[in-house]
Amino acid sequence: MFAAVPATAQIPTPASVLGFEPGADFQLATYEESVEYFQLLDASSDRISMMRAGRTSEGRDWWIALISSPENLASVEQYRDIADKLAHPAELSDSEAQSLSREGKAIVDVNGGLHASEVAGAQHTIQLAYELVTDESPRIAAIRQNVITVLWPSLNPDGQTMIADWYSSNIGTPFEVSSMPWLYQKYIGHDNNRDAYMLNMIESRVLARTWQEWDPQIIYVHHQSSPFPTRIWLPPFAEPIASFTPPIMARTVNTIGMTIAQMLESRGMPGAVHMGTGFDAWYPGYVDYLPMMQNQAA
């Protein structure tokens, strides 16, 4: 299933392919440029494998990347089966569940965000892929050994390219920072994160199916926040919380959010905002919150 390419092969940097560093001023990669980089990374390392998840409303191929150790990727179907059993444990005894949890690997879904105008997420995934594949530090090596990362270049491929093209065509003009005058996802725009209870959109169905297929224990959807200089929105959510959310899941996702915030602060990286900013979790149809009802910390 996975081609064996040595991890030590010459691995391209993002800048060598894009022509700029991800996040550089006045530069935004389109989805096509992002996927080109991911595919070159896949071709040069046995720590990453690209898989087609589906197609978008505008007909783009939509990709995910699996990133882990070569040994984990070689046995990825076994680990996916374990995750599926743990996600649907009605037939498992406590001892069987404990045994599977020790045998399996954590599956963590990370993506470039739903809202294409929040541009940082889809640029960040390019750099994240490079670092997860190439970084030899003990911390990242431990992640590769113990985690299978399901990394989406973006959750809104059509919108990523629309926004990048609009911005690039207006650099140096009075419209450089203006909003794009059409929806960045066909039919639905920003409300692509309101469709979980109906799954009207192709993209919503692809997401739901992929998350069911991989049963990630953690799903991290990138969100930016305003006003400047805030950069990242993180849990905890403001109250009220959806009444059917399992309390242990609410506490789990809050713990994850605060851990991320603490790590950013300790590294001198302010700009993350969370509870009290008005983003509650009452509405049950958020695409990136519904997995909480399925015992996935999202």
C-alpha atoms as a PDB file:
ATOM      1  CA  MET A   1       0.000   0.000   0.000  1.00  0.00           C
ATOM      2  CA  PHE A   2       2.831   2.395   0.851  1.00  0.00           C
ATOM      3  CA  ALA A   3       5.880   2.815  -1.367  1.00  0.00           C
ATOM      4  CA  ALA A   4       9.181   2.408   0.454  1.00  0.00           C
ATOM      5  CA  VAL A   5      11.159   5.620   0.030  1.00  0.00           C
ATOM      6  CA  PRO A   6      14.056   6.091   2.461  1.00  0.00           C
ATOM      7  CA  ALA A   7      13.473   8.752   5.107  1.00  0.00           C
ATOM      8  CA  THR A   8      17.004   9.990   4.411  1.00  0.00           C
ATOM      9  CA  ALA A   9      16.329  10.806   0.753  1.00  0.00           C
ATOM     10  CA  GLN A  10      16.729  14.436  -0.295  1.00  0.00           C
ATOM     11  CA  ILE A  11      13.617  16.118   1.066  1.00  0.00           C
ATOM     12  CA  PRO A  12      12.518  19.437  -0.448  1.00  0.00           C
ATOM     13  CA  THR A  13      11.863  22.378   1.824  1.00  0.00           C
ATOM     14  CA  PRO A  14       8.622  24.309   1.415  1.00  0.00           C
ATOM     15  CA  ALA A  15      10.499  27.372   0.163  1.00  0.00           C
ATOM     16  CA  SER A  16      12.313  25.351  -2.505  1.00  0.00           C
ATOM     17  CA  VAL A  17       8.959  24.394  -4.028  1.00  0.00           C
ATOM     18  CA  LEU A  18       6.732  27.386  -3.264  1.00  0.00           C
ATOM     19  CA  GLY A  19       9.374  30.040  -3.799  1.00  0.00           C
ATOM     20  CA  PHE A  20       8.684  31.512  -0.351  1.00  0.00           C
ATOM     21  CA  GLU A  21       8.466  30.423   3.270  1.00  0.00           C
ATOM     22  CA  PRO A  22       4.945  29.503   4.433  1.00  0.00           C
ATOM     23  CA  GLY A  23       3.556  32.506   6.260  1.00  0.00           C
ATOM     24  CA  ALA A  24       5.792  35.023   4.487  1.00  0.00           C
ATOM     25  CA  ASP A  25       4.346  38.499   4.069  1.00  0.00           C
ATOM     26  CA  PHE A  26       2.406  39.097   0.845  1.00  0.00           C
ATOM     27  CA  GLN A  27       2.447  35.395  -0.090  1.00  0.00           C
ATOM     28  CA  LEU A  28      -0.343  32.805  -0.023  1.00  0.00           C
ATOM     29  CA  ALA A  29      -0.049  29.304  -1.451  1.00  0.00           C
ATOM     30  CA  THR A  30      -2.995  28.010  -3.452  1.00  0.00           C
ATOM     31  CA  TYR A  31      -4.357  24.547  -2.753  1.00  0.00           C
ATOM     32  CA  GLU A  32      -2.687  23.282  -5.911  1.00  0.00           C
ATOM     33  CA  GLU A  33       0.689  24.596  -4.761  1.00  0.00           C
ATOM     34  CA  SER A  34       0.169  23.077  -1.326  1.00  0.00           C
ATOM     35  CA  VAL A  35      -0.731  19.656  -2.724  1.00  0.00           C
ATOM     36  CA  GLU A  36       2.241  19.790  -5.090  1.00  0.00           C
ATOM     37  CA  TYR A  37       4.509  20.213  -2.085  1.00  0.00           C
ATOM     38  CA  PHE A  38       2.809  17.432  -0.120  1.00  0.00           C
ATOM     39  CA  GLN A  39       3.180  15.063  -3.068  1.00  0.00           C
ATOM     40  CA  LEU A  40       6.878  15.870  -3.457  1.00  0.00           C
ATOM     41  CA  LEU A  41       7.297  15.236   0.264  1.00  0.00           C
ATOM     42  CA  ASP A  42       5.521  11.905  -0.171  1.00  0.00           C
ATOM     43  CA  ALA A  43       7.820  10.970  -3.048  1.00  0.00           C
ATOM     44  CA  SER A  44      10.937  11.695  -0.998  1.00  0.00           C
ATOM     45  CA  SER A  45      10.133  10.102   2.377  1.00  0.00           C
ATOM     46  CA  ASP A  46       8.699   6.887   3.790  1.00  0.00           C
ATOM     47  CA  ARG A  47       7.275   8.817   6.741  1.00  0.00           C
ATOM     48  CA  ILE A  48       4.348  10.221   4.750  1.00  0.00           C
ATOM     49  CA  SER A  49       1.729   8.752   2.448  1.00  0.00           C
ATOM     50  CA  MET A  50      -0.863  10.733   0.506  1.00  0.00           C
ATOM     51  CA  MET A  51      -4.403   9.408   0.111  1.00  0.00           C
ATOM     52  CA  ARG A  52      -7.309  10.832  -1.872  1.00  0.00           C
ATOM     53  CA  ALA A  53     -10.246  11.566   0.438  1.00  0.00           C
ATOM     54  CA  GLY A  54     -12.733  12.664  -2.220  1.00  0.00           C
ATOM     55  CA  ARG A  55     -13.584  15.621  -4.439  1.00  0.00           C
ATOM     56  CA  THR A  56     -14.801  19.139  -3.730  1.00  0.00           C
ATOM     57  CA  SER A  57     -17.839  20.991  -5.068  1.00  0.00           C
ATOM     58  CA  GLU A  58     -15.664  22.491  -7.804  1.00  0.00           C
ATOM     59  CA  GLY A  59     -14.215  19.105  -8.718  1.00  0.00           C
ATOM     60  CA  ARG A  60     -10.793  19.319  -7.086  1.00  0.00           C
ATOM     61  CA  ASP A  61      -9.191  16.141  -5.816  1.00  0.00           C
ATOM     62  CA  TRP A  62      -9.100  16.378  -2.033  1.00  0.00           C
ATOM     63  CA  TRP A  63      -6.154  14.823  -0.234  1.00  0.00           C
ATOM     64  CA  ILE A  64      -5.040  13.754   3.203  1.00  0.00           C
ATOM     65  CA  ALA A  65      -1.521  12.855   4.278  1.00  0.00           C
ATOM     66  CA  LEU A  66      -0.727  10.131   6.783  1.00  0.00           C
ATOM     67  CA  ILE A  67       2.457  10.965   8.692  1.00  0.00           C
ATOM     68  CA  SER A  68       4.122   8.582  11.124  1.00  0.00           C
ATOM     69  CA  SER A  69       7.074   6.218  11.355  1.00  0.00           C
ATOM     70  CA  PRO A  70       7.625   3.892   8.383  1.00  0.00           C
ATOM     71  CA  GLU A  71       6.784   0.933  10.617  1.00  0.00           C
ATOM     72  CA  ASN A  72       3.473   2.461  11.688  1.00  0.00           C
ATOM     73  CA  LEU A  73       2.520   3.320   8.114  1.00  0.00           C
ATOM     74  CA  ALA A  74       3.288  -0.237   7.017  1.00  0.00           C
ATOM     75  CA  SER A  75       0.764  -1.466   9.619  1.00  0.00           C
ATOM     76  CA  VAL A  76      -1.692   1.401   9.318  1.00  0.00           C
ATOM     77  CA  GLU A  77      -4.684  -0.822   8.527  1.00  0.00           C
ATOM     78  CA  GLN A  78      -4.083  -2.755  11.742  1.00  0.00           C
ATOM     79  CA  TYR A  79      -4.014   0.482  13.739  1.00  0.00           C
ATOM     80  CA  ARG A  80      -7.100   1.781  11.976  1.00  0.00           C
ATOM     81  CA  ASP A  81      -8.920  -1.443  12.895  1.00  0.00           C
ATOM     82  CA  ILE A  82      -7.897  -1.000  16.531  1.00  0.00           C
ATOM     83  CA  ALA A  83      -9.151   2.591  16.514  1.00  0.00           C
ATOM     84  CA  ASP A  84     -12.456   1.430  15.044  1.00  0.00           C
ATOM     85  CA  LYS A  85     -12.910  -1.196  17.747  1.00  0.00           C
ATOM     86  CA  LEU A  86     -12.128   1.306  20.493  1.00  0.00           C
ATOM     87  CA  ALA A  87     -14.509   3.840  18.964  1.00  0.00           C
ATOM     88  CA  HIS A  88     -17.333   1.266  19.004  1.00  0.00           C
ATOM     89  CA  PRO A  89     -16.584  -0.691  22.179  1.00  0.00           C
ATOM     90  CA  ALA A  90     -19.984  -2.211  22.937  1.00  0.00           C
ATOM     91  CA  GLU A  91     -18.683  -5.734  22.319  1.00  0.00           C
ATOM     92  CA  LEU A  92     -15.398  -5.222  24.187  1.00  0.00           C
ATOM     93  CA  SER A  93     -14.672  -6.105  27.776  1.00  0.00           C
ATOM     94  CA  ASP A  94     -12.681  -3.637  29.862  1.00  0.00           C
ATOM     95  CA  SER A  95      -9.599  -5.839  29.653  1.00  0.00           C
ATOM     96  CA  GLU A  96      -9.912  -6.140  25.867  1.00  0.00           C
ATOM     97  CA  ALA A  97     -10.253  -2.380  25.518  1.00  0.00           C
ATOM     98  CA  GLN A  98      -7.213  -1.791  27.728  1.00  0.00           C
ATOM     99  CA  SER A  99      -5.188  -4.287  25.711  1.00  0.00           C
ATOM    100  CA  LEU A 100      -6.157  -2.661  22.408  1.00  0.00           C
ATOM    101  CA  SER A 101      -5.339   0.798  23.733  1.00  0.00           C
ATOM    102  CA  ARG A 102      -1.830  -0.382  24.588  1.00  0.00           C
ATOM    103  CA  GLU A 103      -1.408  -2.082  21.210  1.00  0.00           C
ATOM    104  CA  GLY A 104      -2.751   0.764  19.092  1.00  0.00           C
ATOM    105  CA  LYS A 105      -1.449   4.168  18.097  1.00  0.00           C
ATOM    106  CA  ALA A 106      -3.122   7.505  18.682  1.00  0.00           C
ATOM    107  CA  ILE A 107      -4.755   8.833  15.527  1.00  0.00           C
ATOM    108  CA  VAL A 108      -4.825  12.632  15.450  1.00  0.00           C
ATOM    109  CA  ASP A 109      -6.569  14.563  12.679  1.00  0.00           C
ATOM    110  CA  VAL A 110      -5.108  18.031  11.982  1.00  0.00           C
ATOM    111  CA  ASN A 111      -6.199  20.274   9.146  1.00  0.00           C
ATOM    112  CA  GLY A 112      -5.921  23.720   7.633  1.00  0.00           C
ATOM    113  CA  GLY A 113      -9.341  24.902   8.713  1.00  0.00           C
ATOM    114  CA  LEU A 114     -12.767  25.326   7.154  1.00  0.00           C
ATOM    115  CA  HIS A 115     -12.809  29.093   6.667  1.00  0.00           C
ATOM    116  CA  ALA A 116     -10.596  30.039   3.746  1.00  0.00           C
ATOM    117  CA  SER A 117     -10.393  33.697   4.758  1.00  0.00           C
ATOM    118  CA  GLU A 118      -8.632  32.566   7.950  1.00  0.00           C
ATOM    119  CA  VAL A 119      -5.544  32.031   5.865  1.00  0.00           C
ATOM    120  CA  ALA A 120      -2.950  30.934   8.422  1.00  0.00           C
ATOM    121  CA  GLY A 121      -4.153  27.343   8.854  1.00  0.00           C
ATOM    122  CA  ALA A 122      -3.778  26.187   5.263  1.00  0.00           C
ATOM    123  CA  GLN A 123      -0.342  27.823   5.026  1.00  0.00           C
ATOM    124  CA  HIS A 124       0.725  26.292   8.334  1.00  0.00           C
ATOM    125  CA  THR A 125      -0.021  22.696   7.303  1.00  0.00           C
ATOM    126  CA  ILE A 126       2.708  22.891   4.650  1.00  0.00           C
ATOM    127  CA  GLN A 127       5.335  23.722   7.257  1.00  0.00           C
ATOM    128  CA  LEU A 128       3.859  21.260   9.743  1.00  0.00           C
ATOM    129  CA  ALA A 129       4.133  18.420   7.233  1.00  0.00           C
ATOM    130  CA  TYR A 130       7.773  19.258   6.567  1.00  0.00           C
ATOM    131  CA  GLU A 131       8.656  19.379  10.256  1.00  0.00           C
ATOM    132  CA  LEU A 132       6.780  16.191  11.163  1.00  0.00           C
ATOM    133  CA  VAL A 133       8.624  14.356   8.389  1.00  0.00           C
ATOM    134  CA  THR A 134      12.133  15.779   8.820  1.00  0.00           C
ATOM    135  CA  ASP A 135      12.571  16.885  12.446  1.00  0.00           C
ATOM    136  CA  GLU A 136      14.849  14.451  14.303  1.00  0.00           C
ATOM    137  CA  SER A 137      14.357  15.945  17.768  1.00  0.00           C
ATOM    138  CA  PRO A 138      13.274  13.497  20.502  1.00  0.00           C
ATOM    139  CA  ARG A 139       9.886  15.229  20.773  1.00  0.00           C
ATOM    140  CA  ILE A 140       8.966  14.895  17.094  1.00  0.00           C
ATOM    141  CA  ALA A 141      10.503  11.426  16.848  1.00  0.00           C
ATOM    142  CA  ALA A 142       8.238  10.357  19.729  1.00  0.00           C
ATOM    143  CA  ILE A 143       5.223  11.771  17.898  1.00  0.00           C
ATOM    144  CA  ARG A 144       6.092   9.758  14.791  1.00  0.00           C
ATOM    145  CA  GLN A 145       6.551   6.639  16.900  1.00  0.00           C
ATOM    146  CA  ASN A 146       3.316   6.925  18.869  1.00  0.00           C
ATOM    147  CA  VAL A 147       0.928   8.891  16.651  1.00  0.00           C
ATOM    148  CA  ILE A 148      -0.511   8.529  13.171  1.00  0.00           C
ATOM    149  CA  THR A 149      -1.217  12.083  12.061  1.00  0.00           C
ATOM    150  CA  VAL A 150      -3.975  12.504   9.501  1.00  0.00           C
ATOM    151  CA  LEU A 151      -3.024  15.869   8.021  1.00  0.00           C
ATOM    152  CA  TRP A 152      -5.306  17.664   5.568  1.00  0.00           C
ATOM    153  CA  PRO A 153      -3.592  20.436   3.598  1.00  0.00           C
ATOM    154  CA  SER A 154      -6.926  22.273   3.905  1.00  0.00           C
ATOM    155  CA  LEU A 155     -10.568  21.575   4.735  1.00  0.00           C
ATOM    156  CA  ASN A 156     -11.589  24.083   2.053  1.00  0.00           C
ATOM    157  CA  PRO A 157      -9.492  23.502  -1.082  1.00  0.00           C
ATOM    158  CA  ASP A 158     -11.743  25.539  -3.377  1.00  0.00           C
ATOM    159  CA  GLY A 159     -11.746  28.484  -0.994  1.00  0.00           C
ATOM    160  CA  GLN A 160      -8.007  28.357  -0.373  1.00  0.00           C
ATOM    161  CA  THR A 161      -7.290  28.855  -4.059  1.00  0.00           C
ATOM    162  CA  MET A 162     -10.000  31.512  -4.439  1.00  0.00           C
ATOM    163  CA  ILE A 163      -8.645  33.558  -1.541  1.00  0.00           C
ATOM    164  CA  ALA A 164      -5.004  33.170  -2.626  1.00  0.00           C
ATOM    165  CA  ASP A 165      -5.798  34.194  -6.208  1.00  0.00           C
ATOM    166  CA  TRP A 166      -7.906  37.167  -5.070  1.00  0.00           C
ATOM    167  CA  TYR A 167      -5.228  38.391  -2.691  1.00  0.00           C
ATOM    168  CA  SER A 168      -2.385  37.941  -5.175  1.00  0.00           C
ATOM    169  CA  SER A 169      -4.265  39.852  -7.863  1.00  0.00           C
ATOM    170  CA  ASN A 170      -4.795  42.812  -5.530  1.00  0.00           C
ATOM    171  CA  ILE A 171      -1.411  43.207  -3.824  1.00  0.00           C
ATOM    172  CA  GLY A 172      -0.339  46.830  -4.014  1.00  0.00           C
ATOM    173  CA  THR A 173      -3.829  48.086  -4.824  1.00  0.00           C
ATOM    174  CA  PRO A 174      -6.442  49.736  -2.577  1.00  0.00           C
ATOM    175  CA  PHE A 175      -8.190  46.344  -2.453  1.00  0.00           C
ATOM    176  CA  GLU A 176      -5.234  44.409  -1.040  1.00  0.00           C
ATOM    177  CA  VAL A 177      -6.908  43.684   2.309  1.00  0.00           C
ATOM    178  CA  SER A 178     -10.503  43.768   1.119  1.00  0.00           C
ATOM    179  CA  SER A 179     -12.790  40.778   1.429  1.00  0.00           C
ATOM    180  CA  MET A 180     -13.328  38.679  -1.659  1.00  0.00           C
ATOM    181  CA  PRO A 181     -16.724  39.675  -3.135  1.00  0.00           C
ATOM    182  CA  TRP A 182     -18.044  36.128  -3.520  1.00  0.00           C
ATOM    183  CA  LEU A 183     -18.412  33.023  -1.364  1.00  0.00           C
ATOM    184  CA  TYR A 184     -15.250  31.054  -0.665  1.00  0.00           C
ATOM    185  CA  GLN A 185     -17.142  27.769  -0.758  1.00  0.00           C
ATOM    186  CA  LYS A 186     -19.793  27.027  -3.350  1.00  0.00           C
ATOM    187  CA  TYR A 187     -23.328  27.771  -2.109  1.00  0.00           C
ATOM    188  CA  ILE A 188     -22.404  28.042   1.560  1.00  0.00           C
ATOM    189  CA  GLY A 189     -19.318  30.186   2.237  1.00  0.00           C
ATOM    190  CA  HIS A 190     -18.559  30.651   5.942  1.00  0.00           C
ATOM    191  CA  ASP A 191     -21.502  28.439   6.854  1.00  0.00           C
ATOM    192  CA  ASN A 192     -19.553  25.355   5.800  1.00  0.00           C
ATOM    193  CA  ASN A 193     -19.174  24.914   9.558  1.00  0.00           C
ATOM    194  CA  ARG A 194     -22.947  24.761  10.126  1.00  0.00           C
ATOM    195  CA  ASP A 195     -23.775  21.685   8.040  1.00  0.00           C
ATOM    196  CA  ALA A 196     -23.017  18.762  10.351  1.00  0.00           C
ATOM    197  CA  TYR A 197     -26.632  17.911  11.140  1.00  0.00           C
ATOM    198  CA  MET A 198     -27.754  17.803   7.487  1.00  0.00           C
ATOM    199  CA  LEU A 199     -24.588  17.062   5.451  1.00  0.00           C
ATOM    200  CA  ASN A 200     -25.950  18.993   2.497  1.00  0.00           C
ATOM    201  CA  MET A 201     -22.535  19.758   1.046  1.00  0.00           C
ATOM    202  CA  ILE A 202     -20.175  17.351  -0.690  1.00  0.00           C
ATOM    203  CA  GLU A 203     -17.375  18.570   1.553  1.00  0.00           C
ATOM    204  CA  SER A 204     -19.367  17.848   4.720  1.00  0.00           C
ATOM    205  CA  ARG A 205     -19.988  14.288   3.548  1.00  0.00           C
ATOM    206  CA  VAL A 206     -16.337  13.702   2.673  1.00  0.00           C
ATOM    207  CA  LEU A 207     -15.301  14.936   6.106  1.00  0.00           C
ATOM    208  CA  ALA A 208     -17.870  12.841   7.955  1.00  0.00           C
ATOM    209  CA  ARG A 209     -16.948   9.714   6.001  1.00  0.00           C
ATOM    210  CA  THR A 210     -13.204  10.218   6.463  1.00  0.00           C
ATOM    211  CA  TRP A 211     -13.544  10.786  10.200  1.00  0.00           C
ATOM    212  CA  GLN A 212     -15.670   7.639  10.434  1.00  0.00           C
ATOM    213  CA  GLU A 213     -13.088   5.668   8.467  1.00  0.00           C
ATOM    214  CA  TRP A 214     -10.150   6.722  10.652  1.00  0.00           C
ATOM    215  CA  ASP A 215     -11.858   7.243  14.039  1.00  0.00           C
ATOM    216  CA  PRO A 216      -9.309   9.817  15.242  1.00  0.00           C
ATOM    217  CA  GLN A 217      -9.206  10.333  18.981  1.00  0.00           C
ATOM    218  CA  ILE A 218      -8.442  14.037  18.450  1.00  0.00           C
ATOM    219  CA  ILE A 219      -9.645  16.321  15.644  1.00  0.00           C
ATOM    220  CA  TYR A 220      -8.033  19.749  15.488  1.00  0.00           C
ATOM    221  CA  VAL A 221      -9.668  22.217  13.095  1.00  0.00           C
ATOM    222  CA  HIS A 222      -7.672  25.435  12.739  1.00  0.00           C
ATOM    223  CA  HIS A 223      -9.514  28.671  13.496  1.00  0.00           C
ATOM    224  CA  GLN A 224      -8.156  32.182  13.488  1.00  0.00           C
ATOM    225  CA  SER A 225      -9.735  34.896  15.545  1.00  0.00           C
ATOM    226  CA  SER A 226      -9.982  38.650  15.646  1.00  0.00           C
ATOM    227  CA  PRO A 227      -9.312  41.376  16.619  1.00  0.00           C
ATOM    228  CA  PHE A 228      -5.623  41.862  15.824  1.00  0.00           C
ATOM    229  CA  PRO A 229      -3.182  40.714  17.160  1.00  0.00           C
ATOM    230  CA  THR A 230      -4.956  37.465  18.073  1.00  0.00           C
ATOM    231  CA  ARG A 231      -4.068  34.608  15.765  1.00  0.00           C
ATOM    232  CA  ILE A 232      -5.568  31.351  17.022  1.00  0.00           C
ATOM    233  CA  TRP A 233      -8.864  30.418  18.652  1.00  0.00           C
ATOM    234  CA  LEU A 234      -8.681  27.559  21.144  1.00  0.00           C
ATOM    235  CA  PRO A 235     -11.039  25.800  23.570  1.00  0.00           C
ATOM    236  CA  PRO A 236     -12.417  26.045  26.243  1.00  0.00           C
ATOM    237  CA  PHE A 237     -15.687  27.069  24.657  1.00  0.00           C
ATOM    238  CA  ALA A 238     -17.826  29.767  26.188  1.00  0.00           C
ATOM    239  CA  GLU A 239     -21.018  28.537  27.811  1.00  0.00           C
ATOM    240  CA  PRO A 240     -23.597  27.233  27.104  1.00  0.00           C
ATOM    241  CA  ILE A 241     -22.366  23.808  26.038  1.00  0.00           C
ATOM    242  CA  ALA A 242     -24.619  21.535  23.965  1.00  0.00           C
ATOM    243  CA  SER A 243     -26.681  19.516  26.418  1.00  0.00           C
ATOM    244  CA  PHE A 244     -25.916  16.162  24.791  1.00  0.00           C
ATOM    245  CA  THR A 245     -22.136  16.618  24.874  1.00  0.00           C
ATOM    246  CA  PRO A 246     -20.645  13.933  27.138  1.00  0.00           C
ATOM    247  CA  PRO A 247     -19.100  15.824  30.076  1.00  0.00           C
ATOM    248  CA  ILE A 248     -15.851  13.878  29.827  1.00  0.00           C
ATOM    249  CA  MET A 249     -15.483  14.984  26.193  1.00  0.00           C
ATOM    250  CA  ALA A 250     -16.043  18.633  27.094  1.00  0.00           C
ATOM    251  CA  ARG A 251     -13.376  18.387  29.781  1.00  0.00           C
ATOM    252  CA  THR A 252     -11.002  16.575  27.424  1.00  0.00           C
ATOM    253  CA  VAL A 253     -11.211  19.156  24.647  1.00  0.00           C
ATOM    254  CA  ASN A 254     -10.893  21.986  27.176  1.00  0.00           C
ATOM    255  CA  THR A 255      -7.748  20.373  28.565  1.00  0.00           C
ATOM    256  CA  ILE A 256      -6.260  20.048  25.087  1.00  0.00           C
ATOM    257  CA  GLY A 257      -7.019  23.685  24.282  1.00  0.00           C
ATOM    258  CA  MET A 258      -5.479  24.996  27.486  1.00  0.00           C
ATOM    259  CA  THR A 259      -2.412  22.783  27.020  1.00  0.00           C
ATOM    260  CA  ILE A 260      -1.837  24.292  23.578  1.00  0.00           C
ATOM    261  CA  ALA A 261      -2.315  27.798  24.994  1.00  0.00           C
ATOM    262  CA  GLN A 262       0.119  27.102  27.828  1.00  0.00           C
ATOM    263  CA  MET A 263       2.772  25.795  25.423  1.00  0.00           C
ATOM    264  CA  LEU A 264       2.407  28.844  23.183  1.00  0.00           C
ATOM    265  CA  GLU A 265       2.673  31.235  26.123  1.00  0.00           C
ATOM    266  CA  SER A 266       5.708  29.435  27.542  1.00  0.00           C
ATOM    267  CA  ARG A 267       7.459  29.892  24.203  1.00  0.00           C
ATOM    268  CA  GLY A 268       6.701  33.595  24.039  1.00  0.00           C
ATOM    269  CA  MET A 269       4.053  33.183  21.358  1.00  0.00           C
ATOM    270  CA  PRO A 270       0.986  35.181  22.461  1.00  0.00           C
ATOM    271  CA  GLY A 271      -2.131  35.537  20.366  1.00  0.00           C
ATOM    272  CA  ALA A 272      -4.272  32.533  21.313  1.00  0.00           C
ATOM    273  CA  VAL A 273      -7.740  33.354  22.656  1.00  0.00           C
ATOM    274  CA  HIS A 274     -10.377  31.086  24.128  1.00  0.00           C
ATOM    275  CA  MET A 275     -13.265  31.092  26.621  1.00  0.00           C
ATOM    276  CA  GLY A 276     -15.036  34.399  26.990  1.00  0.00           C
ATOM    277  CA  THR A 277     -14.684  35.403  23.347  1.00  0.00           C
ATOM    278  CA  GLY A 278     -18.256  34.481  22.468  1.00  0.00           C
ATOM    279  CA  PHE A 279     -17.730  31.140  20.733  1.00  0.00           C
ATOM    280  CA  ASP A 280     -20.038  28.777  22.565  1.00  0.00           C
ATOM    281  CA  ALA A 281     -20.747  25.125  21.792  1.00  0.00           C
ATOM    282  CA  TRP A 282     -24.529  25.117  22.076  1.00  0.00           C
ATOM    283  CA  TYR A 283     -25.392  24.657  18.396  1.00  0.00           C
ATOM    284  CA  PRO A 284     -25.190  20.929  17.546  1.00  0.00           C
ATOM    285  CA  GLY A 285     -24.529  21.368  13.832  1.00  0.00           C
ATOM    286  CA  TYR A 286     -20.947  22.614  13.806  1.00  0.00           C
ATOM    287  CA  VAL A 287     -18.946  20.367  11.491  1.00  0.00           C
ATOM    288  CA  ASP A 288     -15.960  20.637  13.804  1.00  0.00           C
ATOM    289  CA  TYR A 289     -17.937  19.995  17.018  1.00  0.00           C
ATOM    290  CA  LEU A 290     -20.325  17.181  16.117  1.00  0.00           C
ATOM    291  CA  PRO A 291     -17.527  14.583  16.535  1.00  0.00           C
ATOM    292  CA  MET A 292     -17.742  15.364  20.264  1.00  0.00           C
ATOM    293  CA  MET A 293     -21.045  13.458  20.244  1.00  0.00           C
ATOM    294  CA  GLN A 294     -19.114  10.501  18.816  1.00  0.00           C
ATOM    295  CA  ASN A 295     -16.464  10.472  21.557  1.00  0.00           C
ATOM    296  CA  GLN A 296     -13.860  12.295  19.471  1.00  0.00           C
ATOM    297  CA  ALA A 297     -12.225  15.312  21.095  1.00  0.00           C
ATOM    298  CA  ALA A 298     -12.778  18.042  18.502  1.00  0.00           C
END
